[in-house]
Amino acid sequence: MSSLNIPESIKSCNRDPHLLLKPFISQYVYRSMTVPSGHFMEKAMPLRHTSSIDFFPGEEYDTINLVTGEKEPFLRCTIRGPRTYCKYFIRIKGDFRSFIIKFHPTGLYRLLRMPMQHFANIASDGKDITALPLEQMQARLAGAEGIEDCIGIVEPYLLQLATNLTQIPLTIENIAQAIFIKKGNVHITSLAEENNLSLRQLERNFLKEVGISPKIYSRMLRFEHLIKSRIADPGTNWTSLALEAEYFDQMHLVKDFKHFLGIKPSAFIASDFAF
């Protein structure tokens, strides 16, 4: 069996959520691909600042821990918080399908009312979540054909939960969005002061509602912006990209590469990762 790079076979589409779900959900994403018999595709799973509920109704795929080399149990439905480093690679064979519910920075917290730090850097089994009948939803998604079918199945459950929730302040959501707009180039202390929070209050609430600290969240957004710029224009050198992303020097860039992707900038190949 041999590795195969067939990006043209990956089909992806996205849709906006119902109006009442927009405060929580940023978008739905459906992906599908077929790897020819006798081949497989491998991709490293890079950093991501978002949280999501992920369903995998297609054929099972392998998830291998990059540190231990051990295979992780396959889960049909997972709750995933932000991922701050490259922890796994996946090996896909046969027919792959995924349906992803992507949330705003604090959207999953406000929907489930569970501390998000428990979901950072892990994929939790959907069966362990009681706020939504995720196992039942997954069973119904097994027969879905395309994104419209998937949305038609999951949205009634999401709407029922969302419309019965009491509202909570959007302070942390607004701060996270401000960091996103600035591509991570912000002063955390200033954001705390502008929102009448102490730095400790901001860090504690950000960890609870987003899953990571505001400092690492900002670093991730800046680095993600740099990587997107490189993918959009592979001919641009890292020095120019680093200056545009407001890295103060080359060592900061190298440090973030090592932290987030485990490699040096010179070793970066976009197709190695599942961006």
C-alpha atoms as a PDB file:
ATOM      1  CA  MET A   1       0.000   0.000   0.000  1.00  0.00           C
ATOM      2  CA  SER A   2       1.412   3.422  -0.948  1.00  0.00           C
ATOM      3  CA  SER A   3       0.907   7.028   0.092  1.00  0.00           C
ATOM      4  CA  LEU A   4      -0.952   9.254  -2.324  1.00  0.00           C
ATOM      5  CA  ASN A   5      -1.342  13.007  -2.657  1.00  0.00           C
ATOM      6  CA  ILE A   6      -4.648  13.638  -4.421  1.00  0.00           C
ATOM      7  CA  PRO A   7      -5.935  17.054  -3.325  1.00  0.00           C
ATOM      8  CA  GLU A   8      -8.120  17.349  -6.409  1.00  0.00           C
ATOM      9  CA  SER A   9     -10.319  14.543  -5.061  1.00  0.00           C
ATOM     10  CA  ILE A  10     -11.168  16.417  -1.845  1.00  0.00           C
ATOM     11  CA  LYS A  11     -14.596  17.994  -2.102  1.00  0.00           C
ATOM     12  CA  SER A  12     -15.516  20.640   0.450  1.00  0.00           C
ATOM     13  CA  CYS A  13     -18.526  22.878   0.896  1.00  0.00           C
ATOM     14  CA  ASN A  14     -19.833  25.080   3.676  1.00  0.00           C
ATOM     15  CA  ARG A  15     -23.100  26.680   4.727  1.00  0.00           C
ATOM     16  CA  ASP A  16     -24.186  29.313   7.220  1.00  0.00           C
ATOM     17  CA  PRO A  17     -26.292  28.243  10.211  1.00  0.00           C
ATOM     18  CA  HIS A  18     -29.891  29.151  10.985  1.00  0.00           C
ATOM     19  CA  LEU A  19     -30.305  32.787  12.052  1.00  0.00           C
ATOM     20  CA  LEU A  20     -30.972  31.781  15.673  1.00  0.00           C
ATOM     21  CA  LEU A  21     -27.764  29.727  15.736  1.00  0.00           C
ATOM     22  CA  LYS A  22     -25.468  32.399  14.292  1.00  0.00           C
ATOM     23  CA  PRO A  23     -24.488  33.721  17.744  1.00  0.00           C
ATOM     24  CA  PHE A  24     -22.977  30.282  18.438  1.00  0.00           C
ATOM     25  CA  ILE A  25     -21.996  28.697  15.117  1.00  0.00           C
ATOM     26  CA  SER A  26     -19.786  30.232  12.438  1.00  0.00           C
ATOM     27  CA  GLN A  27     -20.454  27.652   9.715  1.00  0.00           C
ATOM     28  CA  TYR A  28     -21.064  24.043   8.756  1.00  0.00           C
ATOM     29  CA  VAL A  29     -18.423  22.267   6.673  1.00  0.00           C
ATOM     30  CA  TYR A  30     -18.847  19.014   4.731  1.00  0.00           C
ATOM     31  CA  ARG A  31     -15.872  17.209   3.200  1.00  0.00           C
ATOM     32  CA  SER A  32     -15.671  14.016   1.189  1.00  0.00           C
ATOM     33  CA  MET A  33     -13.012  12.172  -0.742  1.00  0.00           C
ATOM     34  CA  THR A  34     -12.264   8.727  -2.102  1.00  0.00           C
ATOM     35  CA  VAL A  35      -8.773   7.262  -1.925  1.00  0.00           C
ATOM     36  CA  PRO A  36      -8.223   4.559  -4.572  1.00  0.00           C
ATOM     37  CA  SER A  37      -7.873   0.981  -3.391  1.00  0.00           C
ATOM     38  CA  GLY A  38      -4.325   0.101  -2.411  1.00  0.00           C
ATOM     39  CA  HIS A  39      -3.416   3.679  -1.484  1.00  0.00           C
ATOM     40  CA  PHE A  40      -3.757   5.972   1.507  1.00  0.00           C
ATOM     41  CA  MET A  41      -3.403   9.669   2.252  1.00  0.00           C
ATOM     42  CA  GLU A  42      -1.551  11.039   5.275  1.00  0.00           C
ATOM     43  CA  LYS A  43      -1.886  14.540   6.684  1.00  0.00           C
ATOM     44  CA  ALA A  44      -0.535  16.092   9.874  1.00  0.00           C
ATOM     45  CA  MET A  45      -3.169  17.856  11.979  1.00  0.00           C
ATOM     46  CA  PRO A  46      -1.880  21.393  12.592  1.00  0.00           C
ATOM     47  CA  LEU A  47      -2.818  24.041  15.113  1.00  0.00           C
ATOM     48  CA  ARG A  48      -6.350  25.482  15.035  1.00  0.00           C
ATOM     49  CA  HIS A  49      -7.874  28.235  17.139  1.00  0.00           C
ATOM     50  CA  THR A  50     -11.468  27.094  16.672  1.00  0.00           C
ATOM     51  CA  SER A  51     -13.714  24.624  18.510  1.00  0.00           C
ATOM     52  CA  SER A  52     -16.033  22.198  16.791  1.00  0.00           C
ATOM     53  CA  ILE A  53     -18.333  19.211  16.923  1.00  0.00           C
ATOM     54  CA  ASP A  54     -17.122  16.737  14.300  1.00  0.00           C
ATOM     55  CA  PHE A  55     -19.003  13.821  12.769  1.00  0.00           C
ATOM     56  CA  PHE A  56     -17.331  11.130  10.640  1.00  0.00           C
ATOM     57  CA  PRO A  57     -20.014   9.019   8.934  1.00  0.00           C
ATOM     58  CA  GLY A  58     -17.698   7.582   6.254  1.00  0.00           C
ATOM     59  CA  GLU A  59     -15.134   4.805   6.478  1.00  0.00           C
ATOM     60  CA  GLU A  60     -12.919   4.695   9.546  1.00  0.00           C
ATOM     61  CA  TYR A  61      -9.517   6.358   9.326  1.00  0.00           C
ATOM     62  CA  ASP A  62      -6.397   6.108  11.495  1.00  0.00           C
ATOM     63  CA  THR A  63      -5.225   8.815  13.903  1.00  0.00           C
ATOM     64  CA  ILE A  64      -1.613   8.365  15.027  1.00  0.00           C
ATOM     65  CA  ASN A  65      -0.012  10.240  17.913  1.00  0.00           C
ATOM     66  CA  LEU A  66       3.143  11.945  16.616  1.00  0.00           C
ATOM     67  CA  VAL A  67       4.932  11.594  19.961  1.00  0.00           C
ATOM     68  CA  THR A  68       4.126   8.003  20.912  1.00  0.00           C
ATOM     69  CA  GLY A  69       3.420   6.566  17.462  1.00  0.00           C
ATOM     70  CA  GLU A  70       0.337   4.879  18.902  1.00  0.00           C
ATOM     71  CA  LYS A  71      -2.999   4.729  17.116  1.00  0.00           C
ATOM     72  CA  GLU A  72      -5.861   6.600  18.779  1.00  0.00           C
ATOM     73  CA  PRO A  73      -9.325   4.992  19.056  1.00  0.00           C
ATOM     74  CA  PHE A  74     -11.570   5.933  16.126  1.00  0.00           C
ATOM     75  CA  LEU A  75     -14.569   8.028  17.195  1.00  0.00           C
ATOM     76  CA  ARG A  76     -17.613   8.722  15.047  1.00  0.00           C
ATOM     77  CA  CYS A  77     -18.332  11.983  16.850  1.00  0.00           C
ATOM     78  CA  THR A  78     -15.931  14.227  18.736  1.00  0.00           C
ATOM     79  CA  ILE A  79     -15.893  17.515  20.620  1.00  0.00           C
ATOM     80  CA  ARG A  80     -12.690  19.387  19.813  1.00  0.00           C
ATOM     81  CA  GLY A  81     -11.353  22.529  21.409  1.00  0.00           C
ATOM     82  CA  PRO A  82      -8.438  24.617  20.154  1.00  0.00           C
ATOM     83  CA  ARG A  83      -5.330  22.641  19.206  1.00  0.00           C
ATOM     84  CA  THR A  84      -2.150  24.480  20.127  1.00  0.00           C
ATOM     85  CA  TYR A  85       0.381  22.152  18.494  1.00  0.00           C
ATOM     86  CA  CYS A  86       0.713  19.439  15.873  1.00  0.00           C
ATOM     87  CA  LYS A  87      -0.291  16.375  17.883  1.00  0.00           C
ATOM     88  CA  TYR A  88      -1.500  13.772  15.367  1.00  0.00           C
ATOM     89  CA  PHE A  89      -1.405  12.733  11.769  1.00  0.00           C
ATOM     90  CA  ILE A  90      -4.287  10.997  10.057  1.00  0.00           C
ATOM     91  CA  ARG A  91      -4.189   8.185   7.503  1.00  0.00           C
ATOM     92  CA  ILE A  92      -7.219   8.018   5.229  1.00  0.00           C
ATOM     93  CA  LYS A  93      -8.242   5.063   3.084  1.00  0.00           C
ATOM     94  CA  GLY A  94     -11.395   4.409   1.083  1.00  0.00           C
ATOM     95  CA  ASP A  95     -14.386   6.740   1.307  1.00  0.00           C
ATOM     96  CA  PHE A  96     -13.935   9.583   3.781  1.00  0.00           C
ATOM     97  CA  ARG A  97     -16.746  11.887   4.878  1.00  0.00           C
ATOM     98  CA  SER A  98     -16.899  14.505   7.605  1.00  0.00           C
ATOM     99  CA  PHE A  99     -19.497  16.994   8.771  1.00  0.00           C
ATOM    100  CA  ILE A 100     -18.133  19.736  11.009  1.00  0.00           C
ATOM    101  CA  ILE A 101     -20.000  22.267  13.143  1.00  0.00           C
ATOM    102  CA  LYS A 102     -17.539  25.148  13.609  1.00  0.00           C
ATOM    103  CA  PHE A 103     -18.167  27.537  16.479  1.00  0.00           C
ATOM    104  CA  HIS A 104     -17.381  31.144  17.261  1.00  0.00           C
ATOM    105  CA  PRO A 105     -14.624  31.508  19.910  1.00  0.00           C
ATOM    106  CA  THR A 106     -17.005  31.092  22.878  1.00  0.00           C
ATOM    107  CA  GLY A 107     -19.903  29.543  20.964  1.00  0.00           C
ATOM    108  CA  LEU A 108     -19.384  25.970  22.111  1.00  0.00           C
ATOM    109  CA  TYR A 109     -19.023  27.082  25.722  1.00  0.00           C
ATOM    110  CA  ARG A 110     -22.219  29.127  25.554  1.00  0.00           C
ATOM    111  CA  LEU A 111     -24.067  26.210  23.968  1.00  0.00           C
ATOM    112  CA  LEU A 112     -22.839  23.367  26.196  1.00  0.00           C
ATOM    113  CA  ARG A 113     -22.018  25.427  29.314  1.00  0.00           C
ATOM    114  CA  MET A 114     -18.936  23.285  29.925  1.00  0.00           C
ATOM    115  CA  PRO A 115     -15.463  24.716  30.701  1.00  0.00           C
ATOM    116  CA  MET A 116     -13.592  24.720  27.409  1.00  0.00           C
ATOM    117  CA  GLN A 117     -10.154  24.078  28.887  1.00  0.00           C
ATOM    118  CA  HIS A 118     -11.287  20.452  29.230  1.00  0.00           C
ATOM    119  CA  PHE A 119     -11.462  20.202  25.420  1.00  0.00           C
ATOM    120  CA  ALA A 120      -8.192  21.905  24.463  1.00  0.00           C
ATOM    121  CA  ASN A 121      -5.786  19.667  22.526  1.00  0.00           C
ATOM    122  CA  ILE A 122      -8.042  16.618  22.743  1.00  0.00           C
ATOM    123  CA  ALA A 123     -10.887  14.998  20.837  1.00  0.00           C
ATOM    124  CA  SER A 124     -13.535  14.049  23.397  1.00  0.00           C
ATOM    125  CA  ASP A 125     -16.019  11.294  22.644  1.00  0.00           C
ATOM    126  CA  GLY A 126     -19.399  12.793  21.773  1.00  0.00           C
ATOM    127  CA  LYS A 127     -21.085  10.038  23.784  1.00  0.00           C
ATOM    128  CA  ASP A 128     -19.795  11.667  26.964  1.00  0.00           C
ATOM    129  CA  ILE A 129     -21.718  14.909  26.347  1.00  0.00           C
ATOM    130  CA  THR A 130     -25.209  15.062  27.835  1.00  0.00           C
ATOM    131  CA  ALA A 131     -26.362  18.479  26.596  1.00  0.00           C
ATOM    132  CA  LEU A 132     -26.919  17.112  23.079  1.00  0.00           C
ATOM    133  CA  PRO A 133     -27.881  13.581  21.940  1.00  0.00           C
ATOM    134  CA  LEU A 134     -24.771  13.350  19.776  1.00  0.00           C
ATOM    135  CA  GLU A 135     -24.828   9.559  19.504  1.00  0.00           C
ATOM    136  CA  GLN A 136     -28.376   9.700  18.154  1.00  0.00           C
ATOM    137  CA  MET A 137     -27.409  12.497  15.767  1.00  0.00           C
ATOM    138  CA  GLN A 138     -24.429  10.481  14.528  1.00  0.00           C
ATOM    139  CA  ALA A 139     -26.594   7.430  13.856  1.00  0.00           C
ATOM    140  CA  ARG A 140     -28.937   9.516  11.709  1.00  0.00           C
ATOM    141  CA  LEU A 141     -26.050  11.153   9.842  1.00  0.00           C
ATOM    142  CA  ALA A 142     -24.836   7.747   8.662  1.00  0.00           C
ATOM    143  CA  GLY A 143     -27.428   7.840   5.895  1.00  0.00           C
ATOM    144  CA  ALA A 144     -27.014  11.517   4.991  1.00  0.00           C
ATOM    145  CA  GLU A 145     -25.978  12.460   1.469  1.00  0.00           C
ATOM    146  CA  GLY A 146     -24.313  15.853   1.376  1.00  0.00           C
ATOM    147  CA  ILE A 147     -24.299  18.944   3.526  1.00  0.00           C
ATOM    148  CA  GLU A 148     -27.983  19.818   3.175  1.00  0.00           C
ATOM    149  CA  ASP A 149     -29.029  16.430   4.570  1.00  0.00           C
ATOM    150  CA  CYS A 150     -26.586  16.829   7.460  1.00  0.00           C
ATOM    151  CA  ILE A 151     -27.865  20.286   8.351  1.00  0.00           C
ATOM    152  CA  GLY A 152     -31.449  19.080   8.192  1.00  0.00           C
ATOM    153  CA  ILE A 153     -30.614  16.389  10.743  1.00  0.00           C
ATOM    154  CA  VAL A 154     -28.567  18.366  13.280  1.00  0.00           C
ATOM    155  CA  GLU A 155     -30.185  21.802  13.285  1.00  0.00           C
ATOM    156  CA  PRO A 156     -33.435  20.845  15.053  1.00  0.00           C
ATOM    157  CA  TYR A 157     -31.385  19.489  17.974  1.00  0.00           C
ATOM    158  CA  LEU A 158     -29.186  22.582  18.056  1.00  0.00           C
ATOM    159  CA  LEU A 159     -32.137  24.958  17.847  1.00  0.00           C
ATOM    160  CA  GLN A 160     -33.951  23.199  20.664  1.00  0.00           C
ATOM    161  CA  LEU A 161     -30.910  23.563  22.895  1.00  0.00           C
ATOM    162  CA  ALA A 162     -30.036  27.131  21.897  1.00  0.00           C
ATOM    163  CA  THR A 163     -33.534  28.579  22.259  1.00  0.00           C
ATOM    164  CA  ASN A 164     -33.856  27.278  25.828  1.00  0.00           C
ATOM    165  CA  LEU A 165     -30.580  28.740  27.093  1.00  0.00           C
ATOM    166  CA  THR A 166     -30.317  31.776  29.309  1.00  0.00           C
ATOM    167  CA  GLN A 167     -28.034  34.408  27.830  1.00  0.00           C
ATOM    168  CA  ILE A 168     -24.607  35.055  29.303  1.00  0.00           C
ATOM    169  CA  PRO A 169     -22.408  38.136  28.758  1.00  0.00           C
ATOM    170  CA  LEU A 170     -20.497  38.295  25.477  1.00  0.00           C
ATOM    171  CA  THR A 171     -17.484  40.062  26.949  1.00  0.00           C
ATOM    172  CA  ILE A 172     -15.002  37.269  26.214  1.00  0.00           C
ATOM    173  CA  GLU A 173     -16.545  36.601  22.800  1.00  0.00           C
ATOM    174  CA  ASN A 174     -16.110  40.254  21.866  1.00  0.00           C
ATOM    175  CA  ILE A 175     -12.511  40.267  23.094  1.00  0.00           C
ATOM    176  CA  ALA A 176     -11.728  37.102  21.122  1.00  0.00           C
ATOM    177  CA  GLN A 177     -13.281  38.625  18.001  1.00  0.00           C
ATOM    178  CA  ALA A 178     -11.193  41.771  18.491  1.00  0.00           C
ATOM    179  CA  ILE A 179      -8.048  39.630  18.646  1.00  0.00           C
ATOM    180  CA  PHE A 180      -9.163  37.800  15.485  1.00  0.00           C
ATOM    181  CA  ILE A 181      -9.750  41.037  13.565  1.00  0.00           C
ATOM    182  CA  LYS A 182      -6.269  42.244  14.504  1.00  0.00           C
ATOM    183  CA  LYS A 183      -4.772  38.877  13.461  1.00  0.00           C
ATOM    184  CA  GLY A 184      -3.367  38.415  16.946  1.00  0.00           C
ATOM    185  CA  ASN A 185      -1.431  41.671  17.041  1.00  0.00           C
ATOM    186  CA  VAL A 186      -2.964  43.144  20.196  1.00  0.00           C
ATOM    187  CA  HIS A 187      -1.998  44.165  23.712  1.00  0.00           C
ATOM    188  CA  ILE A 188      -3.771  41.798  26.103  1.00  0.00           C
ATOM    189  CA  THR A 189      -3.436  44.182  29.049  1.00  0.00           C
ATOM    190  CA  SER A 190      -5.136  46.958  27.073  1.00  0.00           C
ATOM    191  CA  LEU A 191      -8.014  44.654  26.129  1.00  0.00           C
ATOM    192  CA  ALA A 192      -8.526  43.770  29.778  1.00  0.00           C
ATOM    193  CA  GLU A 193      -8.567  47.416  30.813  1.00  0.00           C
ATOM    194  CA  GLU A 194     -10.955  48.396  28.014  1.00  0.00           C
ATOM    195  CA  ASN A 195     -13.412  45.765  29.258  1.00  0.00           C
ATOM    196  CA  ASN A 196     -13.061  46.616  32.957  1.00  0.00           C
ATOM    197  CA  LEU A 197     -11.315  43.348  33.754  1.00  0.00           C
ATOM    198  CA  SER A 198      -8.124  42.650  35.601  1.00  0.00           C
ATOM    199  CA  LEU A 199      -5.561  40.673  33.624  1.00  0.00           C
ATOM    200  CA  ARG A 200      -6.176  37.676  35.887  1.00  0.00           C
ATOM    201  CA  GLN A 201      -9.953  37.880  35.331  1.00  0.00           C
ATOM    202  CA  LEU A 202      -9.474  38.017  31.573  1.00  0.00           C
ATOM    203  CA  GLU A 203      -7.118  35.045  31.563  1.00  0.00           C
ATOM    204  CA  ARG A 204      -9.376  32.960  33.815  1.00  0.00           C
ATOM    205  CA  ASN A 205     -12.554  33.671  31.839  1.00  0.00           C
ATOM    206  CA  PHE A 206     -10.822  33.282  28.481  1.00  0.00           C
ATOM    207  CA  LEU A 207      -9.525  29.880  29.505  1.00  0.00           C
ATOM    208  CA  LYS A 208     -13.008  28.834  30.614  1.00  0.00           C
ATOM    209  CA  GLU A 209     -14.889  30.111  27.567  1.00  0.00           C
ATOM    210  CA  VAL A 210     -12.351  29.686  24.742  1.00  0.00           C
ATOM    211  CA  GLY A 211     -10.168  26.898  26.132  1.00  0.00           C
ATOM    212  CA  ILE A 212      -6.752  28.549  25.984  1.00  0.00           C
ATOM    213  CA  SER A 213      -5.147  31.736  27.300  1.00  0.00           C
ATOM    214  CA  PRO A 214      -5.566  35.022  25.407  1.00  0.00           C
ATOM    215  CA  LYS A 215      -1.801  35.145  24.887  1.00  0.00           C
ATOM    216  CA  ILE A 216      -1.563  31.766  23.150  1.00  0.00           C
ATOM    217  CA  TYR A 217      -4.781  32.546  21.235  1.00  0.00           C
ATOM    218  CA  SER A 218      -3.160  35.721  19.887  1.00  0.00           C
ATOM    219  CA  ARG A 219       0.026  33.863  18.939  1.00  0.00           C
ATOM    220  CA  MET A 220      -1.974  31.221  17.123  1.00  0.00           C
ATOM    221  CA  LEU A 221      -3.949  33.768  15.112  1.00  0.00           C
ATOM    222  CA  ARG A 222      -0.807  35.609  14.082  1.00  0.00           C
ATOM    223  CA  PHE A 223       0.867  32.360  13.043  1.00  0.00           C
ATOM    224  CA  GLU A 224      -2.221  31.116  11.196  1.00  0.00           C
ATOM    225  CA  HIS A 225      -2.349  34.408   9.284  1.00  0.00           C
ATOM    226  CA  LEU A 226       1.293  33.973   8.298  1.00  0.00           C
ATOM    227  CA  ILE A 227       0.689  30.401   7.100  1.00  0.00           C
ATOM    228  CA  LYS A 228      -2.387  31.426   5.084  1.00  0.00           C
ATOM    229  CA  SER A 229      -0.350  34.175   3.429  1.00  0.00           C
ATOM    230  CA  ARG A 230       2.359  31.665   2.521  1.00  0.00           C
ATOM    231  CA  ILE A 231      -0.168  29.217   1.073  1.00  0.00           C
ATOM    232  CA  ALA A 232      -1.805  32.008  -0.944  1.00  0.00           C
ATOM    233  CA  ASP A 233       1.582  33.137  -2.311  1.00  0.00           C
ATOM    234  CA  PRO A 234       4.203  30.372  -2.012  1.00  0.00           C
ATOM    235  CA  GLY A 235       6.800  32.560  -3.713  1.00  0.00           C
ATOM    236  CA  THR A 236       6.936  35.086  -0.884  1.00  0.00           C
ATOM    237  CA  ASN A 237       9.898  34.529   1.433  1.00  0.00           C
ATOM    238  CA  TRP A 238       9.510  34.005   5.162  1.00  0.00           C
ATOM    239  CA  THR A 239      11.257  37.258   6.044  1.00  0.00           C
ATOM    240  CA  SER A 240       8.673  39.328   4.169  1.00  0.00           C
ATOM    241  CA  LEU A 241       5.812  37.309   5.613  1.00  0.00           C
ATOM    242  CA  ALA A 242       7.204  37.634   9.140  1.00  0.00           C
ATOM    243  CA  LEU A 243       7.415  41.418   8.824  1.00  0.00           C
ATOM    244  CA  GLU A 244       3.876  41.597   7.458  1.00  0.00           C
ATOM    245  CA  ALA A 245       2.630  39.486  10.392  1.00  0.00           C
ATOM    246  CA  GLU A 246       4.548  41.777  12.788  1.00  0.00           C
ATOM    247  CA  TYR A 247       7.100  39.270  14.019  1.00  0.00           C
ATOM    248  CA  PHE A 248       9.881  41.275  15.629  1.00  0.00           C
ATOM    249  CA  ASP A 249      12.682  39.017  14.465  1.00  0.00           C
ATOM    250  CA  GLN A 250      13.447  35.715  12.780  1.00  0.00           C
ATOM    251  CA  MET A 251      13.915  33.902  16.088  1.00  0.00           C
ATOM    252  CA  HIS A 252      10.306  34.581  17.117  1.00  0.00           C
ATOM    253  CA  LEU A 253       9.145  33.082  13.830  1.00  0.00           C
ATOM    254  CA  VAL A 254      11.344  30.004  14.254  1.00  0.00           C
ATOM    255  CA  LYS A 255      10.108  29.600  17.833  1.00  0.00           C
ATOM    256  CA  ASP A 256       6.459  29.670  16.754  1.00  0.00           C
ATOM    257  CA  PHE A 257       7.115  27.212  13.930  1.00  0.00           C
ATOM    258  CA  LYS A 258       8.701  24.796  16.375  1.00  0.00           C
ATOM    259  CA  HIS A 259       5.891  25.252  18.905  1.00  0.00           C
ATOM    260  CA  PHE A 260       2.921  25.041  16.544  1.00  0.00           C
ATOM    261  CA  LEU A 261       4.116  22.698  13.775  1.00  0.00           C
ATOM    262  CA  GLY A 262       7.218  21.033  15.203  1.00  0.00           C
ATOM    263  CA  ILE A 263       9.411  22.028  12.232  1.00  0.00           C
ATOM    264  CA  LYS A 264      11.605  24.846  10.943  1.00  0.00           C
ATOM    265  CA  PRO A 265      10.229  27.299   8.344  1.00  0.00           C
ATOM    266  CA  SER A 266      12.543  25.827   5.690  1.00  0.00           C
ATOM    267  CA  ALA A 267      10.897  22.408   6.144  1.00  0.00           C
ATOM    268  CA  PHE A 268       7.333  23.677   5.657  1.00  0.00           C
ATOM    269  CA  ILE A 269       5.318  21.987   2.897  1.00  0.00           C
ATOM    270  CA  ALA A 270       1.662  23.033   2.979  1.00  0.00           C
ATOM    271  CA  SER A 271       0.397  19.769   1.478  1.00  0.00           C
ATOM    272  CA  ASP A 272       1.807  17.835   4.457  1.00  0.00           C
ATOM    273  CA  PHE A 273      -0.858  19.378   6.704  1.00  0.00           C
ATOM    274  CA  ALA A 274      -4.651  19.236   6.885  1.00  0.00           C
ATOM    275  CA  PHE A 275      -5.195  22.994   6.833  1.00  0.00           C
END
